[in-house]
Amino acid sequence: TEHSFSIEGIEHNPLLEKRRRLLKKKQKELENLKYDLEEYINTEIKDEHIRQLLEYKYIDDYSWVKIANKMHGTEDALRMELKRFLEKI
């Protein structure tokens, strides 16, 4: 019996490859920035409450709802607290 079939693969696209390389480079840069931020928070921020708030928001990327639940506060109060702190520095 005769059968027909086709072979498919990944097409080589130079533009796509360039974008993938750029994306990997940007991802590495962001990982380094996140590491620097984490180091700054842990070494330069003396207030434990603010330090925890910064970590939840900018390192762990928690929503305000989740932060409020973890820190036993209200979303608005914690958001304003962080805003005031960031305005000072």
N, C-alpha and C. Protein backbone atom coordinates (compact mmCIF):
# COMPACT_ATOMS: atom_id res chain seq x y z
N THR A 1 0.84 -1.19 0.00
CA THR A 1 0.00 0.00 0.00
C THR A 1 0.87 1.24 0.00
N GLU A 2 0.42 2.23 -0.70
CA GLU A 2 1.14 3.51 -0.75
C GLU A 2 0.58 4.46 0.29
N HIS A 3 1.48 5.22 0.88
CA HIS A 3 1.10 6.26 1.85
C HIS A 3 1.85 7.52 1.51
N SER A 4 1.20 8.61 1.75
CA SER A 4 1.91 9.88 1.59
C SER A 4 2.05 10.51 2.97
N PHE A 5 3.11 11.22 3.16
CA PHE A 5 3.33 11.89 4.43
C PHE A 5 4.17 13.13 4.17
N SER A 6 4.14 14.02 5.14
CA SER A 6 4.97 15.22 5.05
C SER A 6 5.80 15.32 6.31
N ILE A 7 6.95 15.88 6.15
CA ILE A 7 7.86 16.08 7.27
C ILE A 7 7.88 17.57 7.57
N GLU A 8 7.61 17.89 8.83
CA GLU A 8 7.59 19.29 9.22
C GLU A 8 8.65 19.51 10.29
N GLY A 9 9.14 20.70 10.34
CA GLY A 9 10.14 21.04 11.34
C GLY A 9 10.04 22.51 11.69
N ILE A 10 10.99 22.97 12.38
CA ILE A 10 11.03 24.37 12.78
C ILE A 10 11.76 25.15 11.69
N GLU A 11 11.09 26.16 11.22
CA GLU A 11 11.70 27.00 10.18
C GLU A 11 12.72 27.93 10.83
N HIS A 12 13.85 28.03 10.23
CA HIS A 12 14.88 28.93 10.73
C HIS A 12 14.51 30.35 10.34
N ASN A 13 14.31 31.18 11.36
CA ASN A 13 13.93 32.57 11.12
C ASN A 13 14.96 33.45 11.83
N PRO A 14 15.83 34.12 11.09
CA PRO A 14 16.88 34.92 11.71
C PRO A 14 16.33 36.04 12.62
N LEU A 15 15.22 36.64 12.23
CA LEU A 15 14.63 37.70 13.05
C LEU A 15 14.14 37.13 14.38
N LEU A 16 13.52 35.96 14.32
CA LEU A 16 13.05 35.32 15.53
C LEU A 16 14.22 34.95 16.44
N GLU A 17 15.28 34.44 15.87
CA GLU A 17 16.47 34.10 16.66
C GLU A 17 17.07 35.34 17.32
N LYS A 18 17.11 36.44 16.60
CA LYS A 18 17.64 37.69 17.16
C LYS A 18 16.78 38.15 18.33
N ARG A 19 15.46 38.06 18.16
CA ARG A 19 14.55 38.46 19.25
C ARG A 19 14.71 37.56 20.46
N ARG A 20 14.91 36.27 20.24
CA ARG A 20 15.13 35.36 21.36
C ARG A 20 16.41 35.70 22.11
N ARG A 21 17.46 36.03 21.38
CA ARG A 21 18.73 36.42 22.04
C ARG A 21 18.54 37.70 22.84
N LEU A 22 17.84 38.68 22.26
CA LEU A 22 17.59 39.94 22.97
C LEU A 22 16.74 39.70 24.21
N LEU A 23 15.75 38.84 24.08
CA LEU A 23 14.90 38.52 25.22
C LEU A 23 15.69 37.87 26.34
N LYS A 24 16.56 36.93 26.00
CA LYS A 24 17.40 36.28 27.01
C LYS A 24 18.33 37.29 27.68
N LYS A 25 18.87 38.22 26.89
CA LYS A 25 19.74 39.25 27.45
C LYS A 25 18.97 40.14 28.41
N LYS A 26 17.77 40.57 28.02
CA LYS A 26 16.94 41.41 28.89
C LYS A 26 16.53 40.66 30.15
N GLN A 27 16.23 39.37 29.99
CA GLN A 27 15.85 38.57 31.14
C GLN A 27 17.00 38.50 32.15
N LYS A 28 18.21 38.32 31.65
CA LYS A 28 19.38 38.27 32.53
C LYS A 28 19.59 39.61 33.23
N GLU A 29 19.41 40.71 32.49
CA GLU A 29 19.53 42.05 33.08
C GLU A 29 18.50 42.24 34.20
N LEU A 30 17.27 41.80 33.96
CA LEU A 30 16.23 41.92 34.97
C LEU A 30 16.52 41.06 36.19
N GLU A 31 17.06 39.87 35.98
CA GLU A 31 17.44 39.02 37.11
C GLU A 31 18.52 39.69 37.94
N ASN A 32 19.48 40.34 37.29
CA ASN A 32 20.53 41.05 38.00
C ASN A 32 19.97 42.23 38.77
N LEU A 33 19.04 42.97 38.16
CA LEU A 33 18.41 44.11 38.86
C LEU A 33 17.63 43.63 40.08
N LYS A 34 16.92 42.52 39.92
CA LYS A 34 16.16 41.97 41.04
C LYS A 34 17.10 41.57 42.17
N TYR A 35 18.21 40.96 41.82
CA TYR A 35 19.20 40.59 42.83
C TYR A 35 19.74 41.84 43.54
N ASP A 36 20.07 42.87 42.77
CA ASP A 36 20.56 44.12 43.36
C ASP A 36 19.52 44.75 44.29
N LEU A 37 18.27 44.73 43.87
CA LEU A 37 17.19 45.28 44.69
C LEU A 37 17.05 44.51 45.98
N GLU A 38 17.07 43.20 45.87
CA GLU A 38 16.97 42.36 47.06
C GLU A 38 18.13 42.62 48.03
N GLU A 39 19.32 42.76 47.48
CA GLU A 39 20.48 43.05 48.32
C GLU A 39 20.34 44.41 48.99
N TYR A 40 19.87 45.41 48.24
CA TYR A 40 19.67 46.75 48.80
C TYR A 40 18.65 46.71 49.93
N ILE A 41 17.53 46.05 49.68
CA ILE A 41 16.49 45.97 50.70
C ILE A 41 17.02 45.33 51.97
N ASN A 42 17.77 44.25 51.83
CA ASN A 42 18.25 43.51 53.00
C ASN A 42 19.40 44.18 53.73
N THR A 43 20.12 45.07 53.07
CA THR A 43 21.27 45.69 53.73
C THR A 43 21.03 47.16 54.11
N GLU A 44 20.21 47.86 53.37
CA GLU A 44 20.06 49.29 53.59
C GLU A 44 18.77 49.70 54.31
N ILE A 45 17.75 48.88 54.27
CA ILE A 45 16.48 49.22 54.90
C ILE A 45 16.49 48.64 56.31
N LYS A 46 16.49 49.53 57.28
CA LYS A 46 16.61 49.10 58.68
C LYS A 46 15.26 48.70 59.29
N ASP A 47 14.19 49.32 58.85
CA ASP A 47 12.86 49.05 59.39
C ASP A 47 12.35 47.70 58.86
N GLU A 48 12.18 46.75 59.76
CA GLU A 48 11.77 45.39 59.37
C GLU A 48 10.41 45.39 58.66
N HIS A 49 9.48 46.21 59.13
CA HIS A 49 8.15 46.27 58.54
C HIS A 49 8.22 46.75 57.09
N ILE A 50 8.96 47.82 56.86
CA ILE A 50 9.12 48.35 55.50
C ILE A 50 9.88 47.36 54.63
N ARG A 51 10.89 46.73 55.19
CA ARG A 51 11.68 45.76 54.44
C ARG A 51 10.77 44.60 53.97
N GLN A 52 9.92 44.12 54.87
CA GLN A 52 9.01 43.03 54.51
C GLN A 52 8.01 43.49 53.44
N LEU A 53 7.52 44.70 53.57
CA LEU A 53 6.59 45.27 52.60
C LEU A 53 7.24 45.38 51.22
N LEU A 54 8.45 45.86 51.18
CA LEU A 54 9.19 45.97 49.91
C LEU A 54 9.44 44.60 49.28
N GLU A 55 9.81 43.64 50.10
CA GLU A 55 10.06 42.29 49.57
C GLU A 55 8.79 41.68 48.99
N TYR A 56 7.69 41.78 49.72
CA TYR A 56 6.45 41.22 49.21
C TYR A 56 6.03 41.88 47.89
N LYS A 57 6.17 43.20 47.82
CA LYS A 57 5.70 43.91 46.64
C LYS A 57 6.65 43.77 45.45
N TYR A 58 7.94 43.99 45.66
CA TYR A 58 8.87 44.08 44.53
C TYR A 58 9.71 42.83 44.28
N ILE A 59 9.87 41.99 45.26
CA ILE A 59 10.64 40.76 45.05
C ILE A 59 9.69 39.60 44.77
N ASP A 60 8.68 39.45 45.63
CA ASP A 60 7.74 38.33 45.48
C ASP A 60 6.60 38.66 44.52
N ASP A 61 6.42 39.94 44.20
CA ASP A 61 5.38 40.40 43.27
C ASP A 61 3.98 40.02 43.75
N TYR A 62 3.75 40.15 45.04
CA TYR A 62 2.43 39.87 45.60
C TYR A 62 1.47 41.01 45.29
N SER A 63 0.20 40.67 45.21
CA SER A 63 -0.84 41.69 45.06
C SER A 63 -1.02 42.40 46.41
N TRP A 64 -1.66 43.55 46.36
CA TRP A 64 -1.91 44.27 47.62
C TRP A 64 -2.81 43.47 48.55
N VAL A 65 -3.73 42.72 47.98
CA VAL A 65 -4.63 41.88 48.80
C VAL A 65 -3.80 40.84 49.57
N LYS A 66 -2.91 40.18 48.87
CA LYS A 66 -2.09 39.15 49.52
C LYS A 66 -1.16 39.77 50.56
N ILE A 67 -0.59 40.93 50.24
CA ILE A 67 0.29 41.61 51.19
C ILE A 67 -0.49 41.98 52.45
N ALA A 68 -1.69 42.53 52.26
CA ALA A 68 -2.52 42.91 53.40
C ALA A 68 -2.84 41.70 54.28
N ASN A 69 -3.14 40.58 53.66
CA ASN A 69 -3.43 39.37 54.44
C ASN A 69 -2.20 38.89 55.20
N LYS A 70 -1.05 38.91 54.56
CA LYS A 70 0.18 38.44 55.22
C LYS A 70 0.63 39.37 56.34
N MET A 71 0.42 40.68 56.14
CA MET A 71 0.92 41.65 57.12
C MET A 71 -0.17 42.13 58.09
N HIS A 72 -1.35 41.56 57.97
CA HIS A 72 -2.46 41.87 58.87
C HIS A 72 -2.77 43.37 58.88
N GLY A 73 -2.89 43.94 57.69
CA GLY A 73 -3.24 45.35 57.56
C GLY A 73 -4.23 45.52 56.43
N THR A 74 -4.52 46.77 56.12
CA THR A 74 -5.41 47.02 54.99
C THR A 74 -4.58 47.37 53.77
N GLU A 75 -5.14 47.10 52.61
CA GLU A 75 -4.43 47.39 51.37
C GLU A 75 -4.06 48.87 51.28
N ASP A 76 -5.05 49.72 51.54
CA ASP A 76 -4.83 51.17 51.41
C ASP A 76 -3.77 51.68 52.38
N ALA A 77 -3.83 51.20 53.61
CA ALA A 77 -2.86 51.66 54.61
C ALA A 77 -1.44 51.24 54.22
N LEU A 78 -1.28 50.01 53.78
CA LEU A 78 0.04 49.52 53.39
C LEU A 78 0.54 50.22 52.13
N ARG A 79 -0.35 50.44 51.19
CA ARG A 79 0.03 51.14 49.96
C ARG A 79 0.50 52.56 50.28
N MET A 80 -0.23 53.24 51.16
CA MET A 80 0.17 54.61 51.54
C MET A 80 1.48 54.60 52.33
N GLU A 81 1.64 53.63 53.19
CA GLU A 81 2.88 53.52 53.96
C GLU A 81 4.08 53.37 53.02
N LEU A 82 3.94 52.51 52.04
CA LEU A 82 5.02 52.32 51.08
C LEU A 82 5.24 53.57 50.25
N LYS A 83 4.17 54.21 49.84
CA LYS A 83 4.29 55.45 49.07
C LYS A 83 5.04 56.51 49.86
N ARG A 84 4.69 56.70 51.10
CA ARG A 84 5.37 57.70 51.94
C ARG A 84 6.86 57.36 52.11
N PHE A 85 7.15 56.08 52.31
CA PHE A 85 8.55 55.67 52.45
C PHE A 85 9.33 55.97 51.19
N LEU A 86 8.76 55.63 50.04
CA LEU A 86 9.47 55.83 48.77
C LEU A 86 9.64 57.31 48.45
N GLU A 87 8.72 58.13 48.87
CA GLU A 87 8.86 59.58 48.66
C GLU A 87 10.00 60.15 49.49
N LYS A 88 10.31 59.54 50.63
CA LYS A 88 11.40 60.01 51.49
C LYS A 88 12.77 59.71 50.92
N ILE A 89 12.89 58.60 50.21
CA ILE A 89 14.22 58.20 49.73
C ILE A 89 14.50 58.70 48.33
